[in-house]
C-alpha atoms as a PDB file:
ATOM      1  CA  MET A   1     149.435 -64.634 -69.622  1.00  0.00           C
ATOM      2  CA  ARG A   2     149.278 -60.844 -69.900  1.00  0.00           C
ATOM      3  CA  SER A   3     151.862 -58.392 -71.014  1.00  0.00           C
ATOM      4  CA  LEU A   4     153.426 -55.975 -68.374  1.00  0.00           C
ATOM      5  CA  HIS A   5     152.784 -52.206 -68.151  1.00  0.00           C
ATOM      6  CA  ILE A   6     155.007 -50.363 -68.012  1.00  0.00           C
ATOM      7  CA  LEU A   7     154.978 -46.660 -67.567  1.00  0.00           C
ATOM      8  CA  PHE A   8     158.680 -44.880 -68.583  1.00  0.00           C
ATOM      9  CA  VAL A   9     159.414 -41.526 -67.294  1.00  0.00           C
ATOM     10  CA  ASP A  10     162.219 -39.520 -69.240  1.00  0.00           C
ATOM     11  CA  ASN A  11     162.126 -36.452 -71.266  1.00  0.00           C
ATOM     12  CA  ASP A  12     164.871 -37.656 -72.680  1.00  0.00           C
ATOM     13  CA  THR A  13     163.668 -39.817 -76.100  1.00  0.00           C
ATOM     14  CA  ASN A  14     166.873 -41.886 -76.859  1.00  0.00           C
ATOM     15  CA  GLY A  15     166.212 -42.686 -73.714  1.00  0.00           C
ATOM     16  CA  TYR A  16     162.575 -44.360 -74.364  1.00  0.00           C
ATOM     17  CA  GLY A  17     164.630 -45.838 -77.328  1.00  0.00           C
ATOM     18  CA  LYS A  18     167.053 -47.571 -75.651  1.00  0.00           C
ATOM     19  CA  ILE A  19     164.401 -49.094 -73.418  1.00  0.00           C
ATOM     20  CA  LEU A  20     161.831 -50.278 -76.403  1.00  0.00           C
ATOM     21  CA  GLN A  21     164.826 -51.746 -77.966  1.00  0.00           C
ATOM     22  CA  ALA A  22     165.989 -53.203 -74.388  1.00  0.00           C
ATOM     23  CA  LEU A  23     162.233 -55.142 -74.069  1.00  0.00           C
ATOM     24  CA  ASP A  24     161.809 -55.864 -77.291  1.00  0.00           C
ATOM     25  CA  ASP A  25     158.110 -56.236 -77.512  1.00  0.00           C
ATOM     26  CA  ARG A  26     157.478 -58.241 -74.118  1.00  0.00           C
ATOM     27  CA  PHE A  27     156.112 -55.450 -72.176  1.00  0.00           C
ATOM     28  CA  VAL A  28     153.503 -52.626 -72.984  1.00  0.00           C
ATOM     29  CA  VAL A  29     155.129 -49.626 -72.156  1.00  0.00           C
ATOM     30  CA  ASP A  30     153.860 -45.879 -72.097  1.00  0.00           C
ATOM     31  CA  HIS A  31     156.077 -42.959 -72.142  1.00  0.00           C
ATOM     32  CA  VAL A  32     155.439 -39.650 -70.414  1.00  0.00           C
ATOM     33  CA  THR A  33     158.084 -36.411 -70.069  1.00  0.00           C
ATOM     34  CA  SER A  34     157.078 -34.516 -67.347  1.00  0.00           C
ATOM     35  CA  LEU A  35     156.373 -35.459 -63.832  1.00  0.00           C
ATOM     36  CA  ALA A  36     152.748 -33.397 -64.594  1.00  0.00           C
ATOM     37  CA  GLU A  37     152.453 -35.922 -67.519  1.00  0.00           C
ATOM     38  CA  ALA A  38     153.092 -38.991 -65.170  1.00  0.00           C
ATOM     39  CA  LYS A  39     150.506 -37.865 -62.568  1.00  0.00           C
ATOM     40  CA  ARG A  40     147.927 -37.381 -65.485  1.00  0.00           C
ATOM     41  CA  PHE A  41     148.825 -40.661 -66.516  1.00  0.00           C
ATOM     42  CA  LEU A  42     148.429 -42.180 -63.088  1.00  0.00           C
ATOM     43  CA  GLU A  43     144.885 -40.303 -62.562  1.00  0.00           C
ATOM     44  CA  THR A  44     143.729 -42.749 -65.354  1.00  0.00           C
ATOM     45  CA  SER A  45     145.529 -45.882 -65.628  1.00  0.00           C
ATOM     46  CA  LEU A  46     147.653 -48.226 -63.548  1.00  0.00           C
ATOM     47  CA  PRO A  47     151.051 -49.893 -64.413  1.00  0.00           C
ATOM     48  CA  ASP A  48     152.830 -52.879 -63.263  1.00  0.00           C
ATOM     49  CA  VAL A  49     155.903 -51.092 -62.930  1.00  0.00           C
ATOM     50  CA  ILE A  50     157.254 -47.594 -63.227  1.00  0.00           C
ATOM     51  CA  ILE A  51     160.562 -46.620 -64.594  1.00  0.00           C
ATOM     52  CA  SER A  52     161.995 -43.022 -64.078  1.00  0.00           C
ATOM     53  CA  GLU A  53     165.192 -41.353 -64.702  1.00  0.00           C
ATOM     54  CA  VAL A  54     166.162 -39.273 -61.671  1.00  0.00           C
ATOM     55  CA  LEU A  55     166.801 -35.844 -63.880  1.00  0.00           C
ATOM     56  CA  ILE A  56     163.903 -35.180 -66.072  1.00  0.00           C
ATOM     57  CA  GLY A  57     164.565 -32.107 -67.505  1.00  0.00           C
ATOM     58  CA  LYS A  58     164.667 -29.765 -64.469  1.00  0.00           C
ATOM     59  CA  GLU A  59     162.534 -31.910 -62.117  1.00  0.00           C
ATOM     60  CA  SER A  60     163.370 -34.926 -60.210  1.00  0.00           C
ATOM     61  CA  GLY A  61     162.119 -38.503 -60.647  1.00  0.00           C
ATOM     62  CA  LEU A  62     162.428 -38.371 -56.802  1.00  0.00           C
ATOM     63  CA  ASP A  63     159.251 -35.844 -56.310  1.00  0.00           C
ATOM     64  CA  LEU A  64     157.583 -38.208 -58.211  1.00  0.00           C
ATOM     65  CA  CYS A  65     158.589 -41.295 -56.182  1.00  0.00           C
ATOM     66  CA  GLN A  66     157.268 -39.493 -52.791  1.00  0.00           C
ATOM     67  CA  ALA A  67     154.425 -38.632 -54.288  1.00  0.00           C
ATOM     68  CA  ILE A  68     153.484 -42.041 -55.365  1.00  0.00           C
ATOM     69  CA  ARG A  69     154.104 -43.549 -52.416  1.00  0.00           C
ATOM     70  CA  LYS A  70     151.919 -40.744 -50.612  1.00  0.00           C
ATOM     71  CA  SER A  71     149.156 -41.841 -52.596  1.00  0.00           C
ATOM     72  CA  SER A  72     146.671 -44.729 -51.487  1.00  0.00           C
ATOM     73  CA  SER A  73     145.785 -45.568 -54.554  1.00  0.00           C
ATOM     74  CA  LEU A  74     149.509 -45.676 -56.332  1.00  0.00           C
ATOM     75  CA  CYS A  75     151.658 -46.626 -53.245  1.00  0.00           C
ATOM     76  CA  HIS A  76     152.032 -50.747 -54.010  1.00  0.00           C
ATOM     77  CA  VAL A  77     153.409 -49.891 -57.507  1.00  0.00           C
ATOM     78  CA  PRO A  78     156.717 -50.832 -57.900  1.00  0.00           C
ATOM     79  CA  ILE A  79     159.214 -48.317 -58.984  1.00  0.00           C
ATOM     80  CA  MET A  80     162.693 -48.659 -60.609  1.00  0.00           C
ATOM     81  CA  LEU A  81     164.555 -45.758 -61.080  1.00  0.00           C
ATOM     82  CA  LEU A  82     166.959 -45.828 -64.357  1.00  0.00           C
ATOM     83  CA  THR A  83     170.006 -43.296 -64.098  1.00  0.00           C
ATOM     84  CA  SER A  84     173.143 -42.711 -64.928  1.00  0.00           C
ATOM     85  CA  HIS A  85     173.510 -41.007 -61.661  1.00  0.00           C
ATOM     86  CA  THR A  86     175.774 -43.991 -59.536  1.00  0.00           C
ATOM     87  CA  THR A  87     176.681 -42.850 -56.728  1.00  0.00           C
ATOM     88  CA  LEU A  88     176.298 -44.682 -52.814  1.00  0.00           C
ATOM     89  CA  GLN A  89     174.293 -41.250 -52.328  1.00  0.00           C
ATOM     90  CA  ASP A  90     172.190 -41.003 -55.042  1.00  0.00           C
ATOM     91  CA  LYS A  91     171.230 -44.885 -54.728  1.00  0.00           C
ATOM     92  CA  ILE A  92     170.482 -43.873 -50.890  1.00  0.00           C
ATOM     93  CA  ALA A  93     168.223 -40.844 -51.746  1.00  0.00           C
ATOM     94  CA  GLY A  94     166.526 -43.002 -54.352  1.00  0.00           C
ATOM     95  CA  PHE A  95     165.818 -46.038 -51.783  1.00  0.00           C
ATOM     96  CA  SER A  96     164.804 -42.886 -48.878  1.00  0.00           C
ATOM     97  CA  VAL A  97     161.857 -41.695 -51.089  1.00  0.00           C
ATOM     98  CA  GLY A  98     160.537 -45.000 -51.726  1.00  0.00           C
ATOM     99  CA  ALA A  99     161.943 -46.497 -54.637  1.00  0.00           C
ATOM    100  CA  ASP A 100     162.172 -50.518 -55.082  1.00  0.00           C
ATOM    101  CA  ASP A 101     165.194 -50.890 -57.315  1.00  0.00           C
ATOM    102  CA  TYR A 102     167.962 -48.932 -58.803  1.00  0.00           C
ATOM    103  CA  VAL A 103     169.562 -49.441 -62.049  1.00  0.00           C
ATOM    104  CA  VAL A 104     172.168 -47.977 -63.619  1.00  0.00           C
ATOM    105  CA  LYS A 105     172.655 -46.463 -66.813  1.00  0.00           C
ATOM    106  CA  PRO A 106     174.389 -48.247 -69.200  1.00  0.00           C
ATOM    107  CA  PHE A 107     171.938 -51.177 -68.298  1.00  0.00           C
ATOM    108  CA  ASP A 108     171.828 -54.831 -69.901  1.00  0.00           C
ATOM    109  CA  ALA A 109     168.585 -55.493 -71.594  1.00  0.00           C
ATOM    110  CA  HIS A 110     168.217 -58.800 -69.939  1.00  0.00           C
ATOM    111  CA  HIS A 111     169.410 -57.645 -66.274  1.00  0.00           C
ATOM    112  CA  LEU A 112     166.420 -54.967 -67.183  1.00  0.00           C
ATOM    113  CA  MET A 113     164.127 -57.275 -68.136  1.00  0.00           C
ATOM    114  CA  ALA A 114     164.783 -59.597 -65.293  1.00  0.00           C
ATOM    115  CA  ARG A 115     164.852 -56.766 -62.563  1.00  0.00           C
ATOM    116  CA  ILE A 116     161.576 -55.667 -64.232  1.00  0.00           C
ATOM    117  CA  ARG A 117     159.967 -59.358 -63.897  1.00  0.00           C
ATOM    118  CA  LEU A 118     161.026 -59.551 -59.993  1.00  0.00           C
ATOM    119  CA  LEU A 119     159.717 -56.372 -58.920  1.00  0.00           C
ATOM    120  CA  ALA A 120     156.091 -57.408 -60.501  1.00  0.00           C
ATOM    121  CA  ARG A 121     156.109 -61.022 -58.533  1.00  0.00           C
ATOM    122  CA  ILE A 122     157.044 -58.835 -55.595  1.00  0.00           C
ATOM    123  CA  LYS A 123     154.244 -56.658 -56.054  1.00  0.00           C
ATOM    124  CA  ARG A 124     151.958 -60.173 -57.019  1.00  0.00           C
ATOM    125  CA  LEU A 125     153.018 -61.650 -54.012  1.00  0.00           C
ATOM    126  CA  GLU A 126     152.419 -58.774 -51.440  1.00  0.00           C
ATOM    127  CA  LEU A 127     149.389 -58.239 -53.455  1.00  0.00           C
ATOM    128  CA  ASN A 128     148.526 -61.912 -52.648  1.00  0.00           C
ATOM    129  CA  SER A 129     149.523 -62.240 -48.859  1.00  0.00           C
ATOM    130  CA  GLU A 130     146.756 -59.364 -48.385  1.00  0.00           C
ATOM    131  CA  PRO A 131     143.677 -60.313 -45.873  1.00  0.00           C
END
């Protein structure tokens, strides 16, 4: 079975290090630090799951969610927001722009891996059920 390919979008290099440590080489993880880099990456590569911070410097992961959901070639890619924004309003805002999951930092590595696998399984089931 092939490794899942994840695009991680966060301008915090510590966050990237924590993701790599948590996923422990079980996934292929590409890291970009801005919305522009994410969009360029997505023009040439199609990850299984996108994980994005809500605040990416002065940019917003919510804007990235909206752009992905409007793209016919990307709209089926699962998006997880991984953030320290914890209010109910934050979560509603994330889901309202198209996030499929919302995980709050600090995260548990086993929980994060389970959520990623769940998103990939849902995507696989949806693609297999299309006519």
